[in-house]
PDB file of N, CA and C in Angstrom:
ATOM      1  N   MET A   1     105.062  88.534 100.362  1.00  0.00           N
ATOM      2  CA  MET A   1     104.609  89.889 100.603  1.00  0.00           C
ATOM      3  C   MET A   1     103.180  89.832 101.128  1.00  0.00           C
ATOM      4  N   ARG A   2     102.905  90.735 102.063  1.00  0.00           N
ATOM      5  CA  ARG A   2     101.555  90.838 102.635  1.00  0.00           C
ATOM      6  C   ARG A   2     101.112  92.289 102.535  1.00  0.00           C
ATOM      7  N   GLY A   3      99.845  92.479 102.194  1.00  0.00           N
ATOM      8  CA  GLY A   3      99.292  93.824 102.132  1.00  0.00           C
ATOM      9  C   GLY A   3      99.092  94.388 103.532  1.00  0.00           C
ATOM     10  N   VAL A   4      99.287  95.686 103.660  1.00  0.00           N
ATOM     11  CA  VAL A   4      99.116  96.381 104.935  1.00  0.00           C
ATOM     12  C   VAL A   4      97.979  97.371 104.788  1.00  0.00           C
ATOM     13  N   ASP A   5      96.974  97.265 105.657  1.00  0.00           N
ATOM     14  CA  ASP A   5      95.833  98.161 105.629  1.00  0.00           C
ATOM     15  C   ASP A   5      96.140  99.427 106.433  1.00  0.00           C
ATOM     16  N   THR A   6      95.387 100.464 106.127  1.00  0.00           N
ATOM     17  CA  THR A   6      95.523 101.733 106.842  1.00  0.00           C
ATOM     18  C   THR A   6      95.371 101.543 108.336  1.00  0.00           C
ATOM     19  N   ASN A   7      94.435 100.668 108.733  1.00  0.00           N
ATOM     20  CA  ASN A   7      94.174 100.499 110.163  1.00  0.00           C
ATOM     21  C   ASN A   7      95.274  99.737 110.892  1.00  0.00           C
ATOM     22  N   VAL A   8      96.328  99.338 110.186  1.00  0.00           N
ATOM     23  CA  VAL A   8      97.541  98.811 110.825  1.00  0.00           C
ATOM     24  C   VAL A   8      98.570  99.934 110.953  1.00  0.00           C
ATOM     25  N   LEU A   9      98.672 100.778 109.916  1.00  0.00           N
ATOM     26  CA  LEU A   9      99.637 101.877 109.954  1.00  0.00           C
ATOM     27  C   LEU A   9      99.263 102.939 110.991  1.00  0.00           C
ATOM     28  N   VAL A  10      97.970 103.232 111.111  1.00  0.00           N
ATOM     29  CA  VAL A  10      97.553 104.303 112.025  1.00  0.00           C
ATOM     30  C   VAL A  10      97.965 104.016 113.467  1.00  0.00           C
ATOM     31  N   PRO A  11      97.631 102.859 114.051  1.00  0.00           N
ATOM     32  CA  PRO A  11      98.070 102.644 115.435  1.00  0.00           C
ATOM     33  C   PRO A  11      99.592 102.558 115.559  1.00  0.00           C
ATOM     34  N   PHE A  12     100.257 102.083 114.517  1.00  0.00           N
ATOM     35  CA  PHE A  12     101.721 102.055 114.530  1.00  0.00           C
ATOM     36  C   PHE A  12     102.270 103.479 114.658  1.00  0.00           C
ATOM     37  N   LEU A  13     101.679 104.420 113.916  1.00  0.00           N
ATOM     38  CA  LEU A  13     102.162 105.801 113.915  1.00  0.00           C
ATOM     39  C   LEU A  13     101.633 106.624 115.090  1.00  0.00           C
ATOM     40  N   VAL A  14     100.359 106.442 115.425  1.00  0.00           N
ATOM     41  CA  VAL A  14      99.696 107.298 116.403  1.00  0.00           C
ATOM     42  C   VAL A  14      99.822 106.755 117.821  1.00  0.00           C
ATOM     43  N   ARG A  15      99.828 105.446 117.947  1.00  0.00           N
ATOM     44  CA  ARG A  15      99.955 104.758 119.242  1.00  0.00           C
ATOM     45  C   ARG A  15      98.837 105.124 120.217  1.00  0.00           C
ATOM     46  N   ASP A  16      97.623 105.243 119.701  1.00  0.00           N
ATOM     47  CA  ASP A  16      96.505 105.583 120.582  1.00  0.00           C
ATOM     48  C   ASP A  16      95.809 104.348 121.139  1.00  0.00           C
ATOM     49  N   ASP A  17      96.156 103.192 120.607  1.00  0.00           N
ATOM     50  CA  ASP A  17      95.640 101.923 121.117  1.00  0.00           C
ATOM     51  C   ASP A  17      96.862 101.038 121.366  1.00  0.00           C
ATOM     52  N   ARG A  18      97.189 100.830 122.630  1.00  0.00           N
ATOM     53  CA  ARG A  18      98.421 100.105 122.982  1.00  0.00           C
ATOM     54  C   ARG A  18      98.523  98.728 122.342  1.00  0.00           C
ATOM     55  N   GLU A  19      97.451  97.966 122.419  1.00  0.00           N
ATOM     56  CA  GLU A  19      97.486  96.597 121.908  1.00  0.00           C
ATOM     57  C   GLU A  19      97.634  96.579 120.387  1.00  0.00           C
ATOM     58  N   GLN A  20      96.870  97.408 119.695  1.00  0.00           N
ATOM     59  CA  GLN A  20      97.003  97.468 118.246  1.00  0.00           C
ATOM     60  C   GLN A  20      98.378  97.986 117.842  1.00  0.00           C
ATOM     61  N   ALA A  21      98.887  98.968 118.548  1.00  0.00           N
ATOM     62  CA  ALA A  21     100.223  99.495 118.250  1.00  0.00           C
ATOM     63  C   ALA A  21     101.282  98.406 118.432  1.00  0.00           C
ATOM     64  N   ARG A  22     101.159  97.628 119.487  1.00  0.00           N
ATOM     65  CA  ARG A  22     102.115  96.534 119.738  1.00  0.00           C
ATOM     66  C   ARG A  22     102.070  95.514 118.612  1.00  0.00           C
ATOM     67  N   LYS A  23     100.849  95.120 118.210  1.00  0.00           N
ATOM     68  CA  LYS A  23     100.708  94.140 117.135  1.00  0.00           C
ATOM     69  C   LYS A  23     101.211  94.696 115.803  1.00  0.00           C
ATOM     70  N   ALA A  24     100.955  95.967 115.538  1.00  0.00           N
ATOM     71  CA  ALA A  24     101.434  96.589 114.300  1.00  0.00           C
ATOM     72  C   ALA A  24     102.961  96.638 114.287  1.00  0.00           C
ATOM     73  N   ARG A  25     103.569  97.038 115.417  1.00  0.00           N
ATOM     74  CA  ARG A  25     105.044  97.063 115.509  1.00  0.00           C
ATOM     75  C   ARG A  25     105.618  95.678 115.293  1.00  0.00           C
ATOM     76  N   GLN A  26     104.999  94.688 115.915  1.00  0.00           N
ATOM     77  CA  GLN A  26     105.475  93.312 115.788  1.00  0.00           C
ATOM     78  C   GLN A  26     105.379  92.851 114.334  1.00  0.00           C
ATOM     79  N   PHE A  27     104.236  93.102 113.705  1.00  0.00           N
ATOM     80  CA  PHE A  27     104.074  92.699 112.307  1.00  0.00           C
ATOM     81  C   PHE A  27     105.124  93.382 111.419  1.00  0.00           C
ATOM     82  N   LEU A  28     105.281  94.690 111.557  1.00  0.00           N
ATOM     83  CA  LEU A  28     106.226  95.423 110.703  1.00  0.00           C
ATOM     84  C   LEU A  28     107.668  95.011 110.986  1.00  0.00           C
ATOM     85  N   ALA A  29     107.966  94.632 112.218  1.00  0.00           N
ATOM     86  CA  ALA A  29     109.306  94.149 112.545  1.00  0.00           C
ATOM     87  C   ALA A  29     109.599  92.814 111.865  1.00  0.00           C
ATOM     88  N   GLU A  30     108.556  92.034 111.599  1.00  0.00           N
ATOM     89  CA  GLU A  30     108.726  90.752 110.922  1.00  0.00           C
ATOM     90  C   GLU A  30     108.850  90.908 109.409  1.00  0.00           C
ATOM     91  N   CYS A  31     108.465  92.049 108.881  1.00  0.00           N
ATOM     92  CA  CYS A  31     108.619  92.310 107.438  1.00  0.00           C
ATOM     93  C   CYS A  31     110.087  92.626 107.156  1.00  0.00           C
ATOM     94  N   SER A  32     110.484  92.427 105.919  1.00  0.00           N
ATOM     95  CA  SER A  32     111.874  92.681 105.542  1.00  0.00           C
ATOM     96  C   SER A  32     111.921  93.097 104.075  1.00  0.00           C
ATOM     97  N   ALA A  33     113.093  93.491 103.619  1.00  0.00           N
ATOM     98  CA  ALA A  33     113.254  93.839 102.209  1.00  0.00           C
ATOM     99  C   ALA A  33     112.937  92.636 101.326  1.00  0.00           C
ATOM    100  N   GLU A  34     113.216  91.431 101.819  1.00  0.00           N
ATOM    101  CA  GLU A  34     112.955  90.211 101.063  1.00  0.00           C
ATOM    102  C   GLU A  34     111.486  89.804 101.117  1.00  0.00           C
ATOM    103  N   ASP A  35     110.802  90.147 102.182  1.00  0.00           N
ATOM    104  CA  ASP A  35     109.386  89.808 102.364  1.00  0.00           C
ATOM    105  C   ASP A  35     108.672  91.019 102.966  1.00  0.00           C
ATOM    106  N   PRO A  36     108.491  92.070 102.135  1.00  0.00           N
ATOM    107  CA  PRO A  36     107.960  93.334 102.662  1.00  0.00           C
ATOM    108  C   PRO A  36     106.453  93.334 102.849  1.00  0.00           C
ATOM    109  N   GLY A  37     105.998  94.316 103.580  1.00  0.00           N
ATOM    110  CA  GLY A  37     104.580  94.622 103.638  1.00  0.00           C
ATOM    111  C   GLY A  37     104.277  95.609 102.519  1.00  0.00           C
ATOM    112  N   LEU A  38     103.221  95.374 101.781  1.00  0.00           N
ATOM    113  CA  LEU A  38     102.854  96.249 100.667  1.00  0.00           C
ATOM    114  C   LEU A  38     101.881  97.315 101.144  1.00  0.00           C
ATOM    115  N   VAL A  39     102.216  98.562 100.901  1.00  0.00           N
ATOM    116  CA  VAL A  39     101.338  99.688 101.198  1.00  0.00           C
ATOM    117  C   VAL A  39     100.985 100.319  99.855  1.00  0.00           C
ATOM    118  N   ASN A  40      99.734 100.137  99.432  1.00  0.00           N
ATOM    119  CA  ASN A  40      99.345 100.635  98.106  1.00  0.00           C
ATOM    120  C   ASN A  40      98.873 102.087  98.167  1.00  0.00           C
ATOM    121  N   HIS A  41      98.586 102.643  96.998  1.00  0.00           N
ATOM    122  CA  HIS A  41      98.215 104.058  96.882  1.00  0.00           C
ATOM    123  C   HIS A  41      96.964 104.408  97.674  1.00  0.00           C
ATOM    124  N   ILE A  42      95.989 103.527  97.684  1.00  0.00           N
ATOM    125  CA  ILE A  42      94.746 103.812  98.406  1.00  0.00           C
ATOM    126  C   ILE A  42      95.026 103.909  99.905  1.00  0.00           C
ATOM    127  N   VAL A  43      95.858 103.030 100.411  1.00  0.00           N
ATOM    128  CA  VAL A  43      96.223 103.072 101.827  1.00  0.00           C
ATOM    129  C   VAL A  43      96.919 104.391 102.150  1.00  0.00           C
ATOM    130  N   LEU A  44      97.812 104.842 101.277  1.00  0.00           N
ATOM    131  CA  LEU A  44      98.494 106.115 101.512  1.00  0.00           C
ATOM    132  C   LEU A  44      97.496 107.270 101.548  1.00  0.00           C
ATOM    133  N   CYS A  45      96.542 107.274 100.622  1.00  0.00           N
ATOM    134  CA  CYS A  45      95.527 108.333 100.592  1.00  0.00           C
ATOM    135  C   CYS A  45      94.647 108.281 101.839  1.00  0.00           C
ATOM    136  N   GLU A  46      94.262 107.085 102.246  1.00  0.00           N
ATOM    137  CA  GLU A  46      93.479 106.949 103.481  1.00  0.00           C
ATOM    138  C   GLU A  46      94.283 107.421 104.688  1.00  0.00           C
ATOM    139  N   LEU A  47      95.567 107.100 104.715  1.00  0.00           N
ATOM    140  CA  LEU A  47      96.418 107.502 105.829  1.00  0.00           C
ATOM    141  C   LEU A  47      96.456 109.019 105.955  1.00  0.00           C
ATOM    142  N   VAL A  48      96.606 109.710 104.833  1.00  0.00           N
ATOM    143  CA  VAL A  48      96.605 111.173 104.850  1.00  0.00           C
ATOM    144  C   VAL A  48      95.277 111.681 105.408  1.00  0.00           C
ATOM    145  N   TRP A  49      94.176 111.107 104.937  1.00  0.00           N
ATOM    146  CA  TRP A  49      92.863 111.554 105.375  1.00  0.00           C
ATOM    147  C   TRP A  49      92.671 111.319 106.877  1.00  0.00           C
ATOM    148  N   VAL A  50      93.011 110.131 107.355  1.00  0.00           N
ATOM    149  CA  VAL A  50      92.819 109.802 108.767  1.00  0.00           C
ATOM    150  C   VAL A  50      93.693 110.689 109.659  1.00  0.00           C
ATOM    151  N   LEU A  51      94.962 110.831 109.312  1.00  0.00           N
ATOM    152  CA  LEU A  51      95.853 111.637 110.149  1.00  0.00           C
ATOM    153  C   LEU A  51      95.426 113.102 110.172  1.00  0.00           C
ATOM    154  N   GLY A  52      94.955 113.619 109.034  1.00  0.00           N
ATOM    155  CA  GLY A  52      94.543 115.017 108.977  1.00  0.00           C
ATOM    156  C   GLY A  52      93.162 115.267 109.541  1.00  0.00           C
ATOM    157  N   SER A  53      92.201 114.443 109.156  1.00  0.00           N
ATOM    158  CA  SER A  53      90.809 114.687 109.541  1.00  0.00           C
ATOM    159  C   SER A  53      90.471 114.189 110.939  1.00  0.00           C
ATOM    160  N   PHE A  54      90.916 113.008 111.268  1.00  0.00           N
ATOM    161  CA  PHE A  54      90.546 112.412 112.552  1.00  0.00           C
ATOM    162  C   PHE A  54      91.501 112.822 113.673  1.00  0.00           C
ATOM    163  N   TYR A  55      92.815 112.829 113.376  1.00  0.00           N
ATOM    164  CA  TYR A  55      93.806 113.129 114.404  1.00  0.00           C
ATOM    165  C   TYR A  55      94.307 114.567 114.356  1.00  0.00           C
ATOM    166  N   SER A  56      93.881 115.344 113.380  1.00  0.00           N
ATOM    167  CA  SER A  56      94.260 116.762 113.235  1.00  0.00           C
ATOM    168  C   SER A  56      95.771 116.974 113.165  1.00  0.00           C
ATOM    169  N   TYR A  57      96.473 116.035 112.556  1.00  0.00           N
ATOM    170  CA  TYR A  57      97.907 116.214 112.357  1.00  0.00           C
ATOM    171  C   TYR A  57      98.125 117.368 111.380  1.00  0.00           C
ATOM    172  N   PRO A  58      99.143 118.191 111.622  1.00  0.00           N
ATOM    173  CA  PRO A  58      99.467 119.235 110.650  1.00  0.00           C
ATOM    174  C   PRO A  58     100.087 118.616 109.385  1.00  0.00           C
ATOM    175  N   ARG A  59     100.014 119.352 108.308  1.00  0.00           N
ATOM    176  CA  ARG A  59     100.484 118.889 106.999  1.00  0.00           C
ATOM    177  C   ARG A  59     101.907 118.329 107.058  1.00  0.00           C
ATOM    178  N   GLU A  60     102.825 119.025 107.706  1.00  0.00           N
ATOM    179  CA  GLU A  60     104.218 118.576 107.738  1.00  0.00           C
ATOM    180  C   GLU A  60     104.361 117.259 108.498  1.00  0.00           C
ATOM    181  N   ALA A  61     103.609 117.075 109.561  1.00  0.00           N
ATOM    182  CA  ALA A  61     103.657 115.802 110.299  1.00  0.00           C
ATOM    183  C   ALA A  61     103.127 114.662 109.432  1.00  0.00           C
ATOM    184  N   ILE A  62     102.096 114.943 108.658  1.00  0.00           N
ATOM    185  CA  ILE A  62     101.568 113.925 107.734  1.00  0.00           C
ATOM    186  C   ILE A  62     102.607 113.609 106.671  1.00  0.00           C
ATOM    187  N   ALA A  63     103.233 114.638 106.134  1.00  0.00           N
ATOM    188  CA  ALA A  63     104.268 114.424 105.109  1.00  0.00           C
ATOM    189  C   ALA A  63     105.422 113.590 105.658  1.00  0.00           C
ATOM    190  N   ARG A  64     105.826 113.860 106.894  1.00  0.00           N
ATOM    191  CA  ARG A  64     106.904 113.068 107.510  1.00  0.00           C
ATOM    192  C   ARG A  64     106.483 111.613 107.696  1.00  0.00           C
ATOM    193  N   ALA A  65     105.225 111.404 108.102  1.00  0.00           N
ATOM    194  CA  ALA A  65     104.732 110.034 108.259  1.00  0.00           C
ATOM    195  C   ALA A  65     104.744 109.314 106.918  1.00  0.00           C
ATOM    196  N   LEU A  66     104.253 109.974 105.877  1.00  0.00           N
ATOM    197  CA  LEU A  66     104.273 109.374 104.530  1.00  0.00           C
ATOM    198  C   LEU A  66     105.702 109.051 104.105  1.00  0.00           C
ATOM    199  N   GLN A  67     106.599 110.001 104.313  1.00  0.00           N
ATOM    200  CA  GLN A  67     107.992 109.813 103.937  1.00  0.00           C
ATOM    201  C   GLN A  67     108.587 108.617 104.666  1.00  0.00           C
ATOM    202  N   GLY A  68     108.273 108.476 105.933  1.00  0.00           N
ATOM    203  CA  GLY A  68     108.773 107.337 106.707  1.00  0.00           C
ATOM    204  C   GLY A  68     108.276 106.012 106.163  1.00  0.00           C
ATOM    205  N   VAL A  69     107.010 105.973 105.776  1.00  0.00           N
ATOM    206  CA  VAL A  69     106.445 104.751 105.198  1.00  0.00           C
ATOM    207  C   VAL A  69     107.157 104.426 103.882  1.00  0.00           C
ATOM    208  N   VAL A  70     107.307 105.422 103.032  1.00  0.00           N
ATOM    209  CA  VAL A  70     107.900 105.203 101.710  1.00  0.00           C
ATOM    210  C   VAL A  70     109.363 104.784 101.813  1.00  0.00           C
ATOM    211  N   GLU A  71     110.073 105.307 102.791  1.00  0.00           N
ATOM    212  CA  GLU A  71     111.507 105.020 102.928  1.00  0.00           C
ATOM    213  C   GLU A  71     111.813 103.752 103.715  1.00  0.00           C
ATOM    214  N   ALA A  72     110.833 103.189 104.402  1.00  0.00           N
ATOM    215  CA  ALA A  72     111.075 101.990 105.212  1.00  0.00           C
ATOM    216  C   ALA A  72     111.443 100.809 104.322  1.00  0.00           C
ATOM    217  N   ILE A  73     112.555 100.164 104.619  1.00  0.00           N
ATOM    218  CA  ILE A  73     113.018  99.068 103.762  1.00  0.00           C
ATOM    219  C   ILE A  73     112.116  97.848 103.835  1.00  0.00           C
ATOM    220  N   GLN A  74     111.361  97.714 104.931  1.00  0.00           N
ATOM    221  CA  GLN A  74     110.487  96.553 105.076  1.00  0.00           C
ATOM    222  C   GLN A  74     109.110  96.791 104.458  1.00  0.00           C
ATOM    223  N   ILE A  75     108.934  97.938 103.803  1.00  0.00           N
ATOM    224  CA  ILE A  75     107.659  98.263 103.166  1.00  0.00           C
ATOM    225  C   ILE A  75     107.879  98.489 101.678  1.00  0.00           C
ATOM    226  N   SER A  76     107.013  97.880 100.886  1.00  0.00           N
ATOM    227  CA  SER A  76     107.030  98.080  99.440  1.00  0.00           C
ATOM    228  C   SER A  76     105.896  99.040  99.086  1.00  0.00           C
ATOM    229  N   VAL A  77     106.230 100.074  98.333  1.00  0.00           N
ATOM    230  CA  VAL A  77     105.244 101.055  97.876  1.00  0.00           C
ATOM    231  C   VAL A  77     105.331 101.103  96.356  1.00  0.00           C
ATOM    232  N   PRO A  78     104.238 100.787  95.657  1.00  0.00           N
ATOM    233  CA  PRO A  78     104.270 100.860  94.195  1.00  0.00           C
ATOM    234  C   PRO A  78     104.561 102.282  93.731  1.00  0.00           C
ATOM    235  N   ASP A  79     105.295 102.393  92.642  1.00  0.00           N
ATOM    236  CA  ASP A  79     105.570 103.693  92.025  1.00  0.00           C
ATOM    237  C   ASP A  79     106.189 104.658  93.040  1.00  0.00           C
ATOM    238  N   ARG A  80     107.170 104.165  93.748  1.00  0.00           N
ATOM    239  CA  ARG A  80     107.800 104.913  94.852  1.00  0.00           C
ATOM    240  C   ARG A  80     108.215 106.332  94.447  1.00  0.00           C
ATOM    241  N   ASP A  81     108.826 106.492  93.262  1.00  0.00           N
ATOM    242  CA  ASP A  81     109.260 107.820  92.827  1.00  0.00           C
ATOM    243  C   ASP A  81     108.073 108.755  92.618  1.00  0.00           C
ATOM    244  N   ASP A  82     106.983 108.229  92.059  1.00  0.00           N
ATOM    245  CA  ASP A  82     105.782 109.034  91.870  1.00  0.00           C
ATOM    246  C   ASP A  82     105.182 109.439  93.212  1.00  0.00           C
ATOM    247  N   VAL A  83     105.192 108.536  94.158  1.00  0.00           N
ATOM    248  CA  VAL A  83     104.677 108.836  95.495  1.00  0.00           C
ATOM    249  C   VAL A  83     105.542 109.906  96.156  1.00  0.00           C
ATOM    250  N   GLN A  84     106.861 109.812  95.996  1.00  0.00           N
ATOM    251  CA  GLN A  84     107.768 110.830  96.548  1.00  0.00           C
ATOM    252  C   GLN A  84     107.438 112.208  95.972  1.00  0.00           C
ATOM    253  N   LEU A  85     107.174 112.261  94.670  1.00  0.00           N
ATOM    254  CA  LEU A  85     106.810 113.524  94.031  1.00  0.00           C
ATOM    255  C   LEU A  85     105.482 114.046  94.581  1.00  0.00           C
ATOM    256  N   ALA A  86     104.523 113.158  94.779  1.00  0.00           N
ATOM    257  CA  ALA A  86     103.233 113.557  95.357  1.00  0.00           C
ATOM    258  C   ALA A  86     103.422 114.090  96.779  1.00  0.00           C
ATOM    259  N   ILE A  87     104.325 113.503  97.544  1.00  0.00           N
ATOM    260  CA  ILE A  87     104.612 114.003  98.895  1.00  0.00           C
ATOM    261  C   ILE A  87     105.191 115.409  98.815  1.00  0.00           C
ATOM    262  N   ARG A  88     106.109 115.643  97.887  1.00  0.00           N
ATOM    263  CA  ARG A  88     106.682 116.988  97.724  1.00  0.00           C
ATOM    264  C   ARG A  88     105.590 117.994  97.372  1.00  0.00           C
ATOM    265  N   GLN A  89     104.679 117.605  96.469  1.00  0.00           N
ATOM    266  CA  GLN A  89     103.582 118.501  96.099  1.00  0.00           C
ATOM    267  C   GLN A  89     102.650 118.727  97.288  1.00  0.00           C
ATOM    268  N   PHE A  90     102.402 117.699  98.076  1.00  0.00           N
ATOM    269  CA  PHE A  90     101.584 117.825  99.283  1.00  0.00           C
ATOM    270  C   PHE A  90     102.216 118.819 100.245  1.00  0.00           C
ATOM    271  N   ARG A  91     103.523 118.722 100.411  1.00  0.00           N
ATOM    272  CA  ARG A  91     104.236 119.659 101.291  1.00  0.00           C
ATOM    273  C   ARG A  91     104.072 121.096 100.813  1.00  0.00           C
ATOM    274  N   SER A  92     103.941 121.275  99.511  1.00  0.00           N
ATOM    275  CA  SER A  92     103.808 122.636  98.969  1.00  0.00           C
ATOM    276  C   SER A  92     102.354 123.078  98.857  1.00  0.00           C
ATOM    277  N   GLY A  93     101.416 122.309  99.414  1.00  0.00           N
ATOM    278  CA  GLY A  93     100.042 122.759  99.485  1.00  0.00           C
ATOM    279  C   GLY A  93      99.019 121.957  98.708  1.00  0.00           C
ATOM    280  N   ALA A  94      99.454 121.003  97.895  1.00  0.00           N
ATOM    281  CA  ALA A  94      98.515 120.198  97.113  1.00  0.00           C
ATOM    282  C   ALA A  94      97.802 119.177  97.992  1.00  0.00           C
ATOM    283  N   ASP A  95      96.637 118.771  97.560  1.00  0.00           N
ATOM    284  CA  ASP A  95      95.969 117.627  98.160  1.00  0.00           C
ATOM    285  C   ASP A  95      96.761 116.387  97.741  1.00  0.00           C
ATOM    286  N   PHE A  96      97.099 115.521  98.683  1.00  0.00           N
ATOM    287  CA  PHE A  96      97.935 114.369  98.360  1.00  0.00           C
ATOM    288  C   PHE A  96      97.295 113.463  97.310  1.00  0.00           C
ATOM    289  N   ALA A  97      96.024 113.123  97.498  1.00  0.00           N
ATOM    290  CA  ALA A  97      95.355 112.223  96.551  1.00  0.00           C
ATOM    291  C   ALA A  97      95.316 112.840  95.163  1.00  0.00           C
ATOM    292  N   ASP A  98      94.989 114.134  95.065  1.00  0.00           N
ATOM    293  CA  ASP A  98      94.970 114.799  93.761  1.00  0.00           C
ATOM    294  C   ASP A  98      96.352 114.770  93.113  1.00  0.00           C
ATOM    295  N   ALA A  99      97.364 115.085  93.898  1.00  0.00           N
ATOM    296  CA  ALA A  99      98.727 115.084  93.361  1.00  0.00           C
ATOM    297  C   ALA A  99      99.090 113.700  92.824  1.00  0.00           C
ATOM    298  N   LEU A 100      98.804 112.672  93.594  1.00  0.00           N
ATOM    299  CA  LEU A 100      99.138 111.312  93.166  1.00  0.00           C
ATOM    300  C   LEU A 100      98.353 110.915  91.921  1.00  0.00           C
ATOM    301  N   ILE A 101      97.074 111.264  91.877  1.00  0.00           N
ATOM    302  CA  ILE A 101      96.257 110.962  90.694  1.00  0.00           C
ATOM    303  C   ILE A 101      96.858 111.618  89.458  1.00  0.00           C
ATOM    304  N   GLY A 102      97.165 112.890  89.545  1.00  0.00           N
ATOM    305  CA  GLY A 102      97.721 113.607  88.394  1.00  0.00           C
ATOM    306  C   GLY A 102      99.048 113.035  87.937  1.00  0.00           C
ATOM    307  N   ILE A 103      99.930 112.750  88.886  1.00  0.00           N
ATOM    308  CA  ILE A 103     101.250 112.198  88.562  1.00  0.00           C
ATOM    309  C   ILE A 103     101.120 110.830  87.903  1.00  0.00           C
ATOM    310  N   LEU A 104     100.323 109.958  88.491  1.00  0.00           N
ATOM    311  CA  LEU A 104     100.161 108.611  87.935  1.00  0.00           C
ATOM    312  C   LEU A 104      99.512 108.660  86.555  1.00  0.00           C
ATOM    313  N   ASN A 105      98.516 109.513  86.375  1.00  0.00           N
ATOM    314  CA  ASN A 105      97.865 109.603  85.066  1.00  0.00           C
ATOM    315  C   ASN A 105      98.830 110.095  83.997  1.00  0.00           C
ATOM    316  N   LEU A 106      99.666 111.084  84.311  1.00  0.00           N
ATOM    317  CA  LEU A 106     100.667 111.542  83.343  1.00  0.00           C
ATOM    318  C   LEU A 106     101.628 110.412  82.993  1.00  0.00           C
ATOM    319  N   ARG A 107     102.095 109.700  84.024  1.00  0.00           N
ATOM    320  CA  ARG A 107     103.028 108.597  83.777  1.00  0.00           C
ATOM    321  C   ARG A 107     102.392 107.496  82.945  1.00  0.00           C
ATOM    322  N   LEU A 108     101.077 107.316  83.097  1.00  0.00           N
ATOM    323  CA  LEU A 108     100.371 106.284  82.344  1.00  0.00           C
ATOM    324  C   LEU A 108      99.987 106.735  80.931  1.00  0.00           C
ATOM    325  N   GLY A 109     100.408 107.931  80.556  1.00  0.00           N
ATOM    326  CA  GLY A 109     100.217 108.383  79.183  1.00  0.00           C
ATOM    327  C   GLY A 109      99.105 109.390  78.958  1.00  0.00           C
ATOM    328  N   CYS A 110      98.428 109.808  80.000  1.00  0.00           N
ATOM    329  CA  CYS A 110      97.378 110.820  79.837  1.00  0.00           C
ATOM    330  C   CYS A 110      98.026 112.178  79.566  1.00  0.00           C
ATOM    331  N   ARG A 111      97.416 112.968  78.692  1.00  0.00           N
ATOM    332  CA  ARG A 111      97.961 114.304  78.471  1.00  0.00           C
ATOM    333  C   ARG A 111      97.548 115.250  79.597  1.00  0.00           C
ATOM    334  N   ASP A 112      96.439 114.919  80.277  1.00  0.00           N
ATOM    335  CA  ASP A 112      96.006 115.656  81.450  1.00  0.00           C
ATOM    336  C   ASP A 112      94.955 114.849  82.188  1.00  0.00           C
ATOM    337  N   THR A 113      94.525 115.375  83.324  1.00  0.00           N
ATOM    338  CA  THR A 113      93.428 114.782  84.089  1.00  0.00           C
ATOM    339  C   THR A 113      92.353 115.848  84.197  1.00  0.00           C
ATOM    340  N   VAL A 114      91.168 115.557  83.711  1.00  0.00           N
ATOM    341  CA  VAL A 114      90.077 116.526  83.780  1.00  0.00           C
ATOM    342  C   VAL A 114      89.399 116.434  85.138  1.00  0.00           C
ATOM    343  N   THR A 115      88.967 117.581  85.628  1.00  0.00           N
ATOM    344  CA  THR A 115      88.397 117.632  86.965  1.00  0.00           C
ATOM    345  C   THR A 115      87.421 118.791  87.090  1.00  0.00           C
ATOM    346  N   PHE A 116      86.499 118.660  88.029  1.00  0.00           N
ATOM    347  CA  PHE A 116      85.637 119.768  88.426  1.00  0.00           C
ATOM    348  C   PHE A 116      86.222 120.492  89.641  1.00  0.00           C
ATOM    349  N   ASP A 117      87.260 119.936  90.231  1.00  0.00           N
ATOM    350  CA  ASP A 117      87.906 120.509  91.409  1.00  0.00           C
ATOM    351  C   ASP A 117      88.738 121.723  90.983  1.00  0.00           C
ATOM    352  N   ARG A 118      88.292 122.896  91.332  1.00  0.00           N
ATOM    353  CA  ARG A 118      88.973 124.140  90.904  1.00  0.00           C
ATOM    354  C   ARG A 118      90.393 124.226  91.441  1.00  0.00           C
ATOM    355  N   ARG A 119      90.577 123.783  92.655  1.00  0.00           N
ATOM    356  CA  ARG A 119      91.924 123.828  93.247  1.00  0.00           C
ATOM    357  C   ARG A 119      92.871 122.886  92.501  1.00  0.00           C
ATOM    358  N   ALA A 120      92.427 121.667  92.248  1.00  0.00           N
ATOM    359  CA  ALA A 120      93.263 120.709  91.515  1.00  0.00           C
ATOM    360  C   ALA A 120      93.527 121.194  90.097  1.00  0.00           C
ATOM    361  N   ALA A 121      92.542 121.840  89.487  1.00  0.00           N
ATOM    362  CA  ALA A 121      92.672 122.292  88.100  1.00  0.00           C
ATOM    363  C   ALA A 121      93.799 123.304  87.918  1.00  0.00           C
ATOM    364  N   ARG A 122      94.231 123.934  88.994  1.00  0.00           N
ATOM    365  CA  ARG A 122      95.347 124.895  88.906  1.00  0.00           C
ATOM    366  C   ARG A 122      96.708 124.198  88.892  1.00  0.00           C
ATOM    367  N   ARG A 123      96.739 122.912  89.147  1.00  0.00           N
ATOM    368  CA  ARG A 123      98.000 122.176  89.224  1.00  0.00           C
ATOM    369  C   ARG A 123      98.399 121.619  87.860  1.00  0.00           C
ATOM    370  N   THR A 124      99.675 121.438  87.666  1.00  0.00           N
ATOM    371  CA  THR A 124     100.203 120.852  86.438  1.00  0.00           C
ATOM    372  C   THR A 124      99.591 119.479  86.214  1.00  0.00           C
ATOM    373  N   GLY A 125      99.164 119.230  85.003  1.00  0.00           N
ATOM    374  CA  GLY A 125      98.623 117.931  84.655  1.00  0.00           C
ATOM    375  C   GLY A 125      97.117 117.838  84.787  1.00  0.00           C
ATOM    376  N   PHE A 126      96.468 118.890  85.292  1.00  0.00           N
ATOM    377  CA  PHE A 126      95.015 118.908  85.442  1.00  0.00           C
ATOM    378  C   PHE A 126      94.404 119.962  84.532  1.00  0.00           C
ATOM    379  N   THR A 127      93.186 119.711  84.095  1.00  0.00           N
ATOM    380  CA  THR A 127      92.425 120.675  83.309  1.00  0.00           C
ATOM    381  C   THR A 127      91.006 120.716  83.858  1.00  0.00           C
ATOM    382  N   ALA A 128      90.504 121.956  84.053  1.00  0.00           N
ATOM    383  CA  ALA A 128      89.128 122.109  84.520  1.00  0.00           C
ATOM    384  C   ALA A 128      88.183 121.686  83.414  1.00  0.00           C
ATOM    385  N   LEU A 129      87.168 120.949  83.786  1.00  0.00           N
ATOM    386  CA  LEU A 129      86.167 120.491  82.831  1.00  0.00           C
ATOM    387  C   LEU A 129      84.975 121.435  82.878  1.00  0.00           C
TER     388      LEU A 129
END
């Protein structure tokens, strides 16, 4: 297994740099279910930020990109079910990183996640501090 950085996924998805996109496609084509590329939670959060902030992708396009990454058989994503739930919450208006933080903390045994973020505090699993 090899880790995959955000800066490999972005050109693969966006194709704004031909050479990087070609190399990313080639690398991902060489990955398999037996020897996957690992995309961790931080990479997913960075991907959401880059696609939304830098490329101005709409929320649904970002959600589809995330879904494609999570469902790809040649990619391993830790806590896949939790990530899927965070994607659903993102689609319904949540910040992806906040949703994932709250979900993972609940699964890890926290009764809640305290925050100063008023928007996040309205979501299940969060409490305003």
